[in-house]
Amino acid sequence: MTLDRIVVVGGSIAGVTAAGALRTAGWGGRLALVSEELSPPYSRVPLSKGVLAGTQTAQSAALAALPDDVDVLLGREAIGLRTQERQVILADGSTMEYDGLVIATGARARRLADPGQTGEHVVRTLQDAEAIAGRLATASTAVVVGGGFLGMEVASTLMRHGLAVTVVGSEEPLVALLGVWLSSYIRGVAGSLGLRIIVSDGPVQLVGDPVSGVLLGDGSVLSADLVVSAAGDLPNTEWLTGSGLRIAGGVVVDARCEAAPGIVAAGDVVTRELAPRSFRRTPHWSNAVVQGRAAASTLIDPYAAAYTPDHYFWTEQFGLDVKIAGEPPFVGEPEVQEGDPSERRALLRWSDAGMTTAAVALNFRIPAARLRAMTEAPAPADRMSPLRT
């Protein structure tokens, strides 16, 4: 089939990257990007930091504009897909014909409030972050439900604005993501700055309407002026029901980001099958960029190389700029390459059987390429020093 029309569904970084990559590669057909949001495509990275704090404007988070010959359609929600007819169905009843399709609809925040219960805050969109920023002047206490990267970043931002913050979760924050040593290190720094952490013995429930606190597993209630749920996300795949595409916690793609002939997917909406009935998402900004480029290549080049996941990501919280290369969680203690963790500046390496499995920079200036390269080479034992505590 001649590839004359490509439609990208989703204004995420993966979708924008795919659209831009198609033009950079020289593909000159009709190209449209459809986004449910009214705002031009933007980066979600600043949402839990500058935008939430009110120190960064929505405009500053905007992604670079796509070429003029890309038709960007805002406020147009995709609600269905007809793969046989090669049509995307929009909420207004119209359809968009395609020869090639990029699915980049991302994910949405997982909410904990009951239907009809108001006052729950999440951080996924510009509007979410701006809504919290509007509460900072009148709030003095906050509860953040969820101790992942987002929850801890939100907690850090709120504390910088003078709020007394408690993070609540079913386990110690970050341990499932980063392993015992690194998560404990970050929690120690956060605790020294006044963060309170509560591990709930059982599910947490939001109470009040509007929400005014959380009910812990032991039956006690923790009240707060502001409650933010940071309890994970849900890939936006409902619009693909009945399409015939394989869905398993996300759109299942092959090694070239292909979901079906003429259909590719990239970003937070994607899951990969690592083994039979074993799936994994990699919802990191850098991975979405790499995946977007790979998806574009697959559409226009039948000999495009297989996609290699990018396990580079970062977080900024509690005065720590943490850059990570490697697939977590990290087992055991790291070895110090440079600096000193006790001084909150270090370059760390995790290794197994003489091979580096992860490299982490704590407030340590290092190019991302060098950090990635550390995970691709044997661990040089003569340069390693024992961890200082």
Protein backbone atom coordinates (compact mmCIF):
# COMPACT_ATOMS: atom_id res chain seq x y z
CA MET A 1 0.00 0.00 0.00
CA THR A 2 1.21 3.49 -0.84
CA LEU A 3 1.91 5.49 2.28
CA ASP A 4 0.32 8.85 1.49
CA ARG A 5 -1.38 9.69 4.81
CA ILE A 6 -0.06 9.20 8.32
CA VAL A 7 -2.07 10.09 11.42
CA VAL A 8 -0.44 10.46 14.84
CA VAL A 9 -2.95 10.11 17.69
CA GLY A 10 -1.69 11.80 20.85
CA GLY A 11 0.14 15.04 21.56
CA SER A 12 2.62 13.36 23.91
CA ILE A 13 6.40 13.70 23.56
CA ALA A 14 6.32 10.32 21.79
CA GLY A 15 3.72 11.52 19.30
CA VAL A 16 5.46 14.83 18.61
CA THR A 17 8.81 13.08 18.25
CA ALA A 18 7.35 10.57 15.78
CA ALA A 19 5.78 13.34 13.69
CA GLY A 20 9.00 15.33 13.66
CA ALA A 21 11.07 12.26 12.82
CA LEU A 22 8.88 11.51 9.79
CA ARG A 23 9.60 14.95 8.36
CA THR A 24 13.29 14.82 9.28
CA ALA A 25 13.56 11.50 7.44
CA GLY A 26 12.18 13.16 4.33
CA TRP A 27 8.73 11.61 4.25
CA GLY A 28 6.57 14.18 2.48
CA GLY A 29 3.03 12.78 2.60
CA ARG A 30 0.03 14.19 4.44
CA LEU A 31 0.72 14.19 8.16
CA ALA A 32 -1.70 15.03 10.97
CA LEU A 33 -1.30 14.97 14.75
CA VAL A 34 -4.53 14.69 16.74
CA SER A 35 -4.57 15.64 20.43
CA GLU A 36 -7.38 15.48 22.97
CA GLU A 37 -5.90 18.41 24.90
CA LEU A 38 -6.62 22.02 24.00
CA SER A 39 -3.07 23.13 24.83
CA PRO A 40 -0.33 22.73 22.20
CA PRO A 41 1.91 19.73 22.96
CA TYR A 42 4.04 20.23 26.07
CA SER A 43 6.57 18.43 28.22
CA ARG A 44 5.21 16.83 31.39
CA VAL A 45 8.62 16.93 33.07
CA PRO A 46 8.16 20.41 34.66
CA LEU A 47 4.63 19.71 35.90
CA SER A 48 5.65 18.29 39.29
CA LYS A 49 8.28 21.00 39.72
CA GLY A 50 8.16 24.51 38.26
CA VAL A 51 4.59 24.55 36.95
CA LEU A 52 3.16 23.06 40.16
CA ALA A 53 5.19 25.54 42.19
CA GLY A 54 3.92 28.45 40.14
CA THR A 55 7.48 29.47 39.24
CA GLN A 56 7.25 28.23 35.65
CA THR A 57 4.57 29.17 33.15
CA ALA A 58 2.60 26.75 31.01
CA GLN A 59 4.18 28.33 27.94
CA SER A 60 7.67 27.44 29.18
CA ALA A 61 6.73 23.75 29.15
CA ALA A 62 5.67 23.84 25.48
CA LEU A 63 7.48 21.51 23.11
CA ALA A 64 9.14 22.91 20.00
CA ALA A 65 6.56 23.52 17.29
CA LEU A 66 6.24 20.94 14.54
CA PRO A 67 6.87 21.96 10.92
CA ASP A 68 4.13 24.00 9.28
CA ASP A 69 3.22 21.13 6.99
CA VAL A 70 2.08 19.02 9.96
CA ASP A 71 -1.63 19.49 10.62
CA VAL A 72 -1.96 19.76 14.43
CA LEU A 73 -5.57 19.25 15.54
CA LEU A 74 -6.22 20.17 19.19
CA GLY A 75 -9.26 19.30 21.27
CA ARG A 76 -10.03 16.30 19.07
CA GLU A 77 -10.45 13.11 21.08
CA ALA A 78 -10.04 9.73 19.38
CA ILE A 79 -12.73 7.31 20.57
CA GLY A 80 -12.36 4.40 18.18
CA LEU A 81 -10.26 2.69 15.56
CA ARG A 82 -11.37 0.71 12.51
CA THR A 83 -8.31 -1.15 11.35
CA GLN A 84 -9.94 -2.76 8.30
CA GLU A 85 -11.18 0.59 7.00
CA ARG A 86 -8.05 2.38 8.27
CA GLN A 87 -10.07 5.02 10.07
CA VAL A 88 -9.66 6.85 13.38
CA ILE A 89 -13.05 7.77 14.87
CA LEU A 90 -13.23 11.11 16.67
CA ALA A 91 -15.58 12.17 19.45
CA ASP A 92 -17.38 14.64 17.19
CA GLY A 93 -18.43 11.77 14.91
CA SER A 94 -15.94 12.50 12.16
CA THR A 95 -13.29 10.07 10.96
CA MET A 96 -9.72 10.42 9.80
CA GLU A 97 -8.42 8.16 7.05
CA TYR A 98 -4.87 6.87 7.31
CA ASP A 99 -2.37 4.68 5.49
CA GLY A 100 -0.06 4.65 8.50
CA LEU A 101 -0.98 5.21 12.15
CA VAL A 102 1.08 6.18 15.20
CA ILE A 103 -0.60 5.48 18.54
CA ALA A 104 0.84 7.81 21.18
CA THR A 105 -2.10 8.46 23.50
CA GLY A 106 0.02 8.11 26.64
CA ALA A 107 -1.53 7.46 30.04
CA ARG A 108 -3.71 9.23 32.58
CA ALA A 109 -3.43 9.57 36.33
CA ARG A 110 -4.92 6.78 38.41
CA ARG A 111 -7.53 8.36 40.68
CA LEU A 112 -8.52 7.13 44.12
CA ALA A 113 -11.67 9.20 44.75
CA ASP A 114 -15.10 7.60 44.59
CA PRO A 115 -17.39 8.60 41.71
CA GLY A 116 -18.77 12.04 42.45
CA GLN A 117 -16.24 12.77 45.18
CA THR A 118 -14.57 16.13 44.57
CA GLY A 119 -11.32 17.75 45.65
CA GLU A 120 -8.82 15.06 44.65
CA HIS A 121 -5.72 16.47 42.97
CA VAL A 122 -3.47 14.61 40.54
CA VAL A 123 -0.51 15.72 38.42
CA ARG A 124 -0.72 14.67 34.79
CA THR A 125 -1.75 17.73 32.77
CA LEU A 126 -0.97 21.43 32.79
CA GLN A 127 -4.39 22.06 34.30
CA ASP A 128 -3.65 19.59 37.11
CA ALA A 129 -0.40 21.33 38.04
CA GLU A 130 -1.91 24.80 37.80
CA ALA A 131 -4.82 23.75 40.04
CA ILE A 132 -2.41 22.70 42.79
CA ALA A 133 -0.32 25.84 42.34
CA GLY A 134 -3.49 27.84 42.96
CA ARG A 135 -3.91 26.18 46.37
CA LEU A 136 -0.41 26.81 47.72
CA ALA A 137 -1.14 30.26 49.12
CA THR A 138 -3.88 28.98 51.43
CA ALA A 139 -2.72 25.44 52.30
CA SER A 140 -0.36 24.66 55.18
CA THR A 141 -0.54 20.84 55.23
CA ALA A 142 -0.56 18.25 52.45
CA VAL A 143 -0.82 14.50 52.03
CA VAL A 144 0.63 12.87 48.94
CA VAL A 145 -0.67 9.35 48.32
CA GLY A 146 1.99 7.38 46.51
CA GLY A 147 5.74 7.23 46.99
CA GLY A 148 6.98 6.85 43.42
CA PHE A 149 9.00 9.43 41.50
CA LEU A 150 6.00 11.66 40.95
CA GLY A 151 4.78 11.51 44.52
CA MET A 152 8.18 12.33 45.96
CA GLU A 153 8.75 15.15 43.47
CA VAL A 154 5.37 16.65 44.35
CA ALA A 155 6.16 16.32 48.06
CA SER A 156 9.49 18.05 47.55
CA THR A 157 7.89 20.95 45.67
CA LEU A 158 5.18 21.40 48.29
CA MET A 159 7.73 21.41 51.10
CA ARG A 160 9.76 24.10 49.35
CA HIS A 161 6.64 26.24 49.56
CA GLY A 162 6.45 25.77 53.31
CA LEU A 163 3.80 23.06 53.56
CA ALA A 164 4.08 20.27 56.10
CA VAL A 165 3.95 17.18 53.89
CA THR A 166 3.23 13.52 54.57
CA VAL A 167 3.76 10.82 51.93
CA VAL A 168 1.51 7.80 52.37
CA GLY A 169 1.89 4.48 50.58
CA SER A 170 1.74 0.72 50.93
CA GLU A 171 5.53 0.48 51.16
CA GLU A 172 8.53 2.71 51.73
CA PRO A 173 8.81 5.30 48.95
CA LEU A 174 10.92 4.46 45.88
CA VAL A 175 12.06 1.04 47.10
CA ALA A 176 10.26 -0.88 44.35
CA LEU A 177 11.64 1.50 41.73
CA LEU A 178 15.23 1.95 42.85
CA GLY A 179 16.06 -0.85 45.24
CA VAL A 180 16.88 -0.67 48.93
CA TRP A 181 20.10 1.36 49.00
CA LEU A 182 19.24 4.25 46.69
CA SER A 183 15.65 4.59 47.90
CA SER A 184 16.85 4.61 51.51
CA TYR A 185 19.42 7.26 50.68
CA ILE A 186 16.82 9.57 49.11
CA ARG A 187 14.37 8.99 51.97
CA GLY A 188 17.10 9.86 54.44
CA VAL A 189 17.73 13.19 52.74
CA ALA A 190 13.98 13.87 52.53
CA GLY A 191 13.50 13.00 56.19
CA SER A 192 16.31 15.34 57.23
CA LEU A 193 14.37 18.15 55.55
CA GLY A 194 11.16 17.30 57.41
CA LEU A 195 9.24 14.91 55.16
CA ARG A 196 6.96 12.57 57.09
CA ILE A 197 6.43 9.09 55.65
CA ILE A 198 3.65 6.70 56.66
CA VAL A 199 3.47 3.12 55.38
CA SER A 200 -0.19 2.15 55.53
CA ASP A 201 -1.14 -1.34 56.62
CA GLY A 202 -3.76 -1.79 53.93
CA PRO A 203 -5.36 0.30 51.17
CA VAL A 204 -5.72 4.05 51.55
CA GLN A 205 -9.10 5.71 51.00
CA LEU A 206 -9.79 9.40 50.40
CA VAL A 207 -12.27 10.93 52.84
CA GLY A 208 -14.44 14.01 52.73
CA ASP A 209 -16.24 15.81 49.92
CA PRO A 210 -14.35 17.79 48.96
CA VAL A 211 -11.45 15.53 49.90
CA SER A 212 -9.96 16.57 53.23
CA GLY A 213 -7.75 13.63 54.17
CA VAL A 214 -7.04 9.93 53.87
CA LEU A 215 -8.25 6.90 55.77
CA LEU A 216 -5.29 4.64 56.56
CA GLY A 217 -5.32 0.88 56.74
CA ASP A 218 -5.39 0.92 60.55
CA GLY A 219 -8.59 2.97 60.58
CA SER A 220 -7.00 6.29 61.50
CA VAL A 221 -7.62 9.43 59.45
CA LEU A 222 -4.89 11.80 58.34
CA SER A 223 -6.36 15.23 57.59
CA ALA A 224 -4.76 17.85 55.34
CA ASP A 225 -5.55 21.07 53.51
CA LEU A 226 -4.39 19.52 50.23
CA VAL A 227 -4.49 15.89 49.10
CA VAL A 228 -2.62 14.80 45.97
CA SER A 229 -2.93 11.31 44.51
CA ALA A 230 0.24 10.05 42.83
CA ALA A 231 -0.74 6.40 42.70
CA GLY A 232 0.45 5.48 39.23
CA ASP A 233 -1.09 5.80 35.80
CA LEU A 234 -3.36 3.96 33.39
CA PRO A 235 -2.49 3.69 29.68
CA ASN A 236 -5.10 5.30 27.43
CA THR A 237 -6.20 2.25 25.46
CA GLU A 238 -9.99 2.29 25.89
CA TRP A 239 -10.46 3.93 22.51
CA LEU A 240 -8.87 0.86 20.91
CA THR A 241 -11.53 -1.56 22.22
CA GLY A 242 -12.78 -3.70 19.36
CA SER A 243 -9.92 -2.67 17.06
CA GLY A 244 -8.29 -6.09 17.11
CA LEU A 245 -5.04 -4.73 18.49
CA ARG A 246 -3.50 -6.67 21.34
CA ILE A 247 -3.88 -4.89 24.67
CA ALA A 248 -2.18 -6.12 27.84
CA GLY A 249 -1.71 -3.23 30.23
CA GLY A 250 -0.92 -1.14 27.16
CA VAL A 251 -0.67 -1.57 23.41
CA VAL A 252 1.56 -4.58 22.77
CA VAL A 253 4.26 -3.89 20.18
CA ASP A 254 7.03 -5.97 18.66
CA ALA A 255 10.74 -5.18 18.60
CA ARG A 256 10.15 -2.52 15.93
CA CYS A 257 7.29 -0.77 17.78
CA GLU A 258 4.74 -2.31 15.40
CA ALA A 259 1.33 -3.20 16.79
CA ALA A 260 -0.17 -4.36 13.49
CA PRO A 261 0.62 -3.87 9.79
CA GLY A 262 0.74 -0.13 9.19
CA ILE A 263 0.22 0.66 12.89
CA VAL A 264 2.97 1.54 15.35
CA ALA A 265 2.86 2.78 18.94
CA ALA A 266 5.21 4.73 21.19
CA GLY A 267 5.41 6.21 24.67
CA ASP A 268 3.54 5.53 27.89
CA VAL A 269 0.72 3.70 26.08
CA VAL A 270 3.11 0.94 25.00
CA THR A 271 3.95 -2.38 26.63
CA ARG A 272 6.45 -5.00 25.48
CA GLU A 273 6.14 -8.76 25.90
CA LEU A 274 9.39 -9.92 27.47
CA ALA A 275 8.26 -13.53 27.80
CA PRO A 276 4.93 -15.31 27.25
CA ARG A 277 2.33 -13.38 29.30
CA SER A 278 5.06 -11.22 30.85
CA PHE A 279 4.74 -7.55 29.89
CA ARG A 280 6.62 -4.41 30.84
CA ARG A 281 6.16 -0.71 30.29
CA THR A 282 9.04 1.77 30.33
CA PRO A 283 7.29 5.09 31.01
CA HIS A 284 10.30 7.42 30.92
CA TRP A 285 10.67 10.62 28.92
CA SER A 286 13.89 9.57 27.18
CA ASN A 287 12.45 6.19 26.28
CA ALA A 288 9.36 7.84 24.77
CA VAL A 289 11.64 9.93 22.55
CA VAL A 290 13.62 6.91 21.36
CA GLN A 291 10.42 4.94 20.83
CA GLY A 292 8.82 7.78 18.86
CA ARG A 293 11.76 7.85 16.46
CA ALA A 294 11.76 4.08 16.13
CA ALA A 295 8.02 3.99 15.44
CA ALA A 296 8.40 6.60 12.68
CA SER A 297 11.24 4.64 11.09
CA THR A 298 9.23 1.41 11.13
CA LEU A 299 6.33 3.04 9.27
CA ILE A 300 8.42 4.30 6.36
CA ASP A 301 11.30 1.81 6.26
CA PRO A 302 10.62 -1.94 6.01
CA TYR A 303 14.24 -2.56 7.02
CA ALA A 304 14.24 -0.32 10.09
CA ALA A 305 16.30 -1.65 12.97
CA ALA A 306 14.74 -3.10 16.09
CA TYR A 307 14.03 -0.69 18.90
CA THR A 308 16.32 -0.72 21.93
CA PRO A 309 14.71 0.53 25.17
CA ASP A 310 16.43 3.53 26.71
CA HIS A 311 16.81 3.02 30.46
CA TYR A 312 18.00 6.54 31.19
CA PHE A 313 15.87 8.72 33.44
CA TRP A 314 16.17 11.31 36.16
CA THR A 315 14.41 12.86 39.11
CA GLU A 316 14.82 16.10 41.05
CA GLN A 317 13.70 16.10 44.66
CA PHE A 318 14.80 17.36 48.08
CA GLY A 319 17.87 19.10 46.69
CA LEU A 320 18.99 15.98 44.84
CA ASP A 321 19.47 15.88 41.08
CA VAL A 322 19.52 12.14 40.40
CA LYS A 323 20.40 10.89 36.92
CA ILE A 324 20.14 7.15 36.33
CA ALA A 325 21.26 4.78 33.58
CA GLY A 326 20.25 1.15 33.96
CA GLU A 327 17.17 -0.92 34.52
CA PRO A 328 16.00 -0.78 38.15
CA PRO A 329 15.60 -1.90 40.83
CA PHE A 330 19.28 -1.95 41.81
CA VAL A 331 20.43 -4.79 44.04
CA GLY A 332 22.97 -4.39 46.81
CA GLU A 333 25.21 -1.43 47.56
CA PRO A 334 26.91 0.69 44.92
CA GLU A 335 30.60 1.46 44.60
CA VAL A 336 31.74 5.06 44.53
CA GLN A 337 33.50 6.19 41.37
CA GLU A 338 33.84 9.85 42.31
CA GLY A 339 32.60 12.13 45.07
CA ASP A 340 31.02 11.12 48.36
CA PRO A 341 27.35 10.29 49.00
CA SER A 342 27.60 11.74 52.51
CA GLU A 343 28.32 15.09 50.88
CA ARG A 344 25.37 14.62 48.52
CA ARG A 345 27.56 14.53 45.44
CA ALA A 346 28.72 11.25 43.94
CA LEU A 347 29.01 9.09 40.87
CA LEU A 348 27.92 5.55 41.74
CA ARG A 349 28.07 2.22 39.97
CA TRP A 350 26.22 -1.04 40.55
CA SER A 351 27.81 -4.18 39.12
CA ASP A 352 27.19 -7.89 38.87
CA ALA A 353 29.72 -10.55 37.82
CA GLY A 354 32.15 -7.85 36.71
CA MET A 355 29.65 -6.05 34.50
CA THR A 356 28.10 -2.69 35.28
CA THR A 357 24.33 -2.92 35.68
CA ALA A 358 23.58 0.70 36.59
CA ALA A 359 25.25 4.07 36.98
CA VAL A 360 23.82 6.93 39.06
CA ALA A 361 24.89 10.55 39.34
CA LEU A 362 23.90 12.33 42.56
CA ASN A 363 24.26 16.08 42.08
CA PHE A 364 27.14 15.15 39.81
CA ARG A 365 27.53 16.87 36.46
CA ILE A 366 28.01 14.26 33.77
CA PRO A 367 26.77 14.02 30.19
CA ALA A 368 23.93 11.55 29.72
CA ALA A 369 25.95 9.78 27.03
CA ARG A 370 28.79 9.10 29.47
CA LEU A 371 26.42 7.80 32.12
CA ARG A 372 24.82 5.48 29.57
CA ALA A 373 28.25 4.33 28.40
CA MET A 374 29.15 3.27 31.92
CA THR A 375 26.45 0.57 31.74
CA GLU A 376 27.86 -0.77 28.48
CA ALA A 377 31.36 -1.56 29.72
CA PRO A 378 32.92 -3.93 32.27
CA ALA A 379 33.26 -2.55 35.78
CA PRO A 380 36.90 -1.37 36.24
CA ALA A 381 37.67 -2.70 39.71
CA ASP A 382 40.88 -0.70 40.04
CA ARG A 383 38.91 2.58 39.84
CA MET A 384 36.28 1.64 42.36
CA SER A 385 36.32 2.69 45.98
CA PRO A 386 34.25 1.25 48.81
CA LEU A 387 31.08 3.05 49.81
CA ARG A 388 31.68 5.58 52.55
CA THR A 389 28.94 6.02 55.11
